[in-house]
Protein backbone atom coordinates (compact mmCIF):
# COMPACT_ATOMS: atom_id res chain seq x y z
CA MET A 1 18.45 -19.53 -48.50
CA GLU A 2 21.44 -21.77 -47.89
CA ALA A 3 24.75 -21.28 -49.71
CA ILE A 4 24.33 -24.43 -51.80
CA ASP A 5 20.81 -23.35 -52.76
CA ILE A 6 22.19 -19.98 -53.90
CA LEU A 7 24.77 -21.68 -56.11
CA MET A 8 22.17 -24.06 -57.54
CA GLU A 9 19.79 -21.18 -58.31
CA GLU A 10 22.61 -19.43 -60.14
CA HIS A 11 23.24 -22.66 -62.07
CA ARG A 12 19.67 -22.52 -63.37
CA ILE A 13 20.20 -18.99 -64.70
CA ILE A 14 23.53 -20.03 -66.24
CA GLU A 15 21.88 -23.03 -67.92
CA ARG A 16 19.29 -20.73 -69.49
CA ALA A 17 22.04 -18.52 -70.92
CA LEU A 18 23.95 -21.58 -72.15
CA SER A 19 20.87 -22.89 -73.97
CA ALA A 20 20.39 -19.53 -75.67
CA LEU A 21 24.06 -19.46 -76.66
CA GLU A 22 23.87 -22.96 -78.07
CA THR A 23 20.75 -22.14 -80.08
CA GLN A 24 22.28 -19.02 -81.60
CA THR A 25 25.59 -20.77 -82.26
CA ARG A 26 23.82 -23.61 -84.08
CA ARG A 27 22.00 -21.02 -86.20
CA LEU A 28 25.27 -19.33 -87.04
CA GLN A 29 26.81 -22.71 -87.83
CA ALA A 30 23.93 -23.44 -90.22
CA GLY A 31 24.57 -20.14 -92.03
CA SER A 32 21.57 -18.27 -90.63
CA PRO A 33 22.03 -14.64 -89.68
CA VAL A 34 22.64 -14.02 -86.00
CA ARG A 35 23.18 -10.60 -84.47
CA PRO A 36 26.91 -10.41 -83.59
CA GLY A 37 25.99 -8.39 -80.51
CA PHE A 38 24.21 -11.46 -79.13
CA PHE A 39 27.59 -13.14 -78.68
CA LEU A 40 29.05 -10.01 -77.10
CA ASP A 41 26.09 -9.96 -74.68
CA ALA A 42 26.72 -13.63 -73.94
CA THR A 43 30.42 -13.15 -73.24
CA SER A 44 29.57 -10.22 -70.97
CA PHE A 45 27.10 -12.42 -69.08
CA PHE A 46 29.67 -15.20 -68.74
CA ARG A 47 32.49 -12.89 -67.66
CA ASN A 48 30.47 -10.79 -65.25
CA PHE A 49 27.85 -13.13 -63.85
CA ILE A 50 29.47 -16.54 -64.02
CA ASP A 51 33.00 -15.46 -63.30
CA GLY A 52 32.41 -12.22 -61.39
CA CYS A 53 29.56 -13.46 -59.19
CA HIS A 54 29.17 -17.23 -59.21
CA HIS A 55 32.75 -18.45 -59.50
CA ARG A 56 33.89 -15.71 -57.17
CA LYS A 57 31.71 -17.14 -54.38
CA GLU A 58 32.92 -20.63 -55.11
CA GLU A 59 36.60 -19.73 -55.29
CA GLU A 60 36.68 -17.25 -52.40
CA SER A 61 34.41 -19.05 -49.96
CA PHE A 62 32.85 -22.36 -50.92
CA PHE A 63 35.99 -24.18 -52.04
CA SER A 64 37.80 -22.91 -48.92
CA ALA A 65 35.08 -24.42 -46.75
CA MET A 66 35.47 -27.70 -48.61
CA MET A 67 39.24 -27.62 -48.10
CA ASP A 68 38.74 -26.85 -44.40
CA SER A 69 36.64 -30.03 -44.35
CA GLY A 70 39.48 -32.12 -45.75
CA LEU A 71 39.40 -31.83 -49.55
CA SER A 72 42.53 -30.77 -51.42
CA ASN A 73 42.65 -28.10 -54.08
CA GLN A 74 45.61 -29.87 -55.68
CA THR A 75 43.80 -33.10 -56.56
CA GLY A 76 40.24 -34.34 -56.68
CA PRO A 77 37.03 -32.43 -57.39
CA ILE A 78 38.17 -28.96 -56.34
CA ALA A 79 41.29 -29.14 -58.51
CA ILE A 80 39.17 -30.28 -61.46
CA LEU A 81 36.58 -27.54 -60.94
CA LEU A 82 39.24 -24.84 -60.63
CA ALA A 83 40.84 -26.04 -63.87
CA GLU A 84 37.42 -25.94 -65.52
CA HIS A 85 36.90 -22.38 -64.30
CA GLU A 86 40.14 -21.38 -66.00
CA GLN A 87 39.30 -23.31 -69.18
CA GLY A 88 35.94 -21.55 -69.28
CA ARG A 89 37.67 -18.18 -69.00
CA GLU A 90 39.88 -19.10 -71.94
CA TYR A 91 36.90 -20.17 -74.06
CA ASN A 92 35.05 -16.98 -73.16
CA ARG A 93 38.01 -14.75 -74.07
CA ALA A 94 38.39 -16.53 -77.42
CA MET A 95 34.65 -16.34 -78.03
CA GLU A 96 34.64 -12.62 -77.27
CA LYS A 97 37.57 -11.99 -79.62
CA ALA A 98 35.80 -13.86 -82.42
CA ALA A 99 32.50 -12.09 -81.69
CA ARG A 100 34.24 -8.71 -81.89
CA ALA A 101 35.69 -9.69 -85.26
CA LEU A 102 32.24 -10.77 -86.45
CA ALA A 103 30.71 -7.51 -85.18
CA GLY A 104 33.48 -5.64 -86.99
CA GLY A 105 32.36 -7.07 -90.29
CA GLN A 106 34.52 -10.15 -90.69
CA THR A 107 32.94 -11.97 -93.62
CA SER A 108 34.68 -15.33 -93.33
CA THR A 109 32.98 -18.23 -91.56
CA PRO A 110 33.16 -17.60 -87.80
CA ASP A 111 34.66 -21.00 -87.02
CA ASP A 112 36.52 -19.76 -83.94
CA LEU A 113 33.34 -18.32 -82.47
CA ILE A 114 31.36 -21.48 -83.15
CA ARG A 115 34.03 -23.83 -81.81
CA ASN A 116 34.67 -21.83 -78.62
CA ALA A 117 30.97 -21.24 -77.96
CA LEU A 118 30.07 -24.93 -78.30
CA ASP A 119 33.11 -26.01 -76.27
CA TYR A 120 32.13 -23.50 -73.58
CA VAL A 121 28.54 -24.79 -73.47
CA ALA A 122 29.73 -28.40 -73.19
CA LEU A 123 32.27 -27.55 -70.49
CA LEU A 124 29.85 -25.56 -68.36
CA ARG A 125 27.07 -28.12 -68.60
CA GLN A 126 29.43 -30.86 -67.46
CA HIS A 127 30.82 -28.56 -64.77
CA ILE A 128 27.35 -27.78 -63.40
CA ARG A 129 26.42 -31.49 -63.35
CA ARG A 130 29.63 -32.25 -61.46
CA GLU A 131 28.90 -29.57 -58.87
CA ASN A 132 25.20 -30.35 -58.48
CA ASN A 133 25.55 -34.13 -58.36
CA LEU A 134 28.89 -34.57 -56.63
CA LEU A 135 30.38 -31.55 -54.91
CA PHE A 136 27.22 -30.14 -53.37
CA LYS A 137 26.23 -33.54 -52.01
CA MET A 138 29.73 -33.90 -50.54
CA ALA A 139 29.46 -30.41 -49.04
CA GLU A 140 26.20 -31.25 -47.29
CA GLN A 141 28.01 -34.14 -45.60
CA LEU A 142 31.40 -32.52 -44.96
CA ILE A 143 30.67 -28.91 -44.04
CA PRO A 144 29.25 -28.54 -40.55
CA PRO A 145 25.88 -26.73 -40.31
CA ALA A 146 27.41 -23.74 -38.53
CA ARG A 147 29.97 -23.34 -41.33
CA GLN A 148 27.23 -23.68 -43.95
CA LYS A 149 25.42 -20.78 -42.25
CA GLU A 150 28.66 -18.76 -42.32
CA LEU A 151 28.98 -19.50 -46.05
CA THR A 152 25.53 -18.09 -46.69
CA GLU A 153 26.53 -14.94 -44.79
CA GLU A 154 29.80 -14.75 -46.78
CA PHE A 155 27.89 -15.03 -50.04
CA GLU A 156 25.58 -12.20 -48.93
CA ARG A 157 28.60 -10.07 -47.97
CA ILE A 158 30.30 -10.73 -51.32
CA GLU A 159 27.08 -9.76 -53.11
CA ARG A 160 26.61 -6.61 -51.03
CA GLU A 161 30.19 -5.34 -50.66
CA GLU A 162 32.14 -6.67 -53.61
CA ILE A 163 29.70 -7.26 -56.43
CA GLY A 164 27.14 -4.58 -55.74
CA ALA A 165 23.41 -4.21 -55.46
CA GLY A 166 21.33 -5.03 -58.48
CA ILE A 167 23.99 -7.01 -60.33
CA HIS A 168 22.12 -10.31 -60.10
CA GLU A 169 18.96 -8.70 -61.41
CA LYS A 170 20.88 -7.07 -64.27
CA TYR A 171 22.31 -10.40 -65.40
CA TYR A 172 19.06 -12.27 -64.82
CA ARG A 173 17.45 -9.78 -67.22
CA LEU A 174 20.29 -10.28 -69.70
CA ALA A 175 19.84 -14.08 -69.57
CA GLU A 176 16.12 -13.58 -70.15
CA ALA A 177 16.79 -11.26 -73.11
CA MET A 178 19.20 -13.83 -74.56
CA GLU A 179 16.53 -16.51 -74.24
CA LYS A 180 13.95 -14.33 -75.96
CA GLU A 181 16.32 -13.52 -78.81
CA ALA A 182 17.25 -17.18 -79.25
CA SER A 183 13.60 -18.25 -79.29
CA ALA A 184 12.61 -15.71 -81.96
């Protein structure tokens, strides 16, 4: 599997988790009961899978390959995507803080949780569209085939040596559990 294919496959898993988050957030917004732990599971997924696995590969390898091919990380798509990564981290931290308060028995309306969750969903969906429809197409044109092969090997090394065996499967199962809970 090519590096871009790996990132796109991860996007599909992320989109599933985002849909589950949006469903549960809308329920909470409507005043329906939602297990507070769902949101803690979601923030764990986002922190560990999106940031710890997916964004790590992009930031440590993929974006570097794009910069080696002439793109800047100070302006243009890479700068925008890096800023979105950081914005997503901020939303996730705020969402986790609000989810912890909700799990701790906060009885007031969880407006912070709702706002940050919906903002996060919107940001990540736009971010994924930007990568799938713009950056990855640019990469196919700009990154030489030999470098694309090296990227795939780098991704495999990051998975094996830095992230650890079984992590993808763990978070795939968590995304699936989130989907099941949201569809109940």
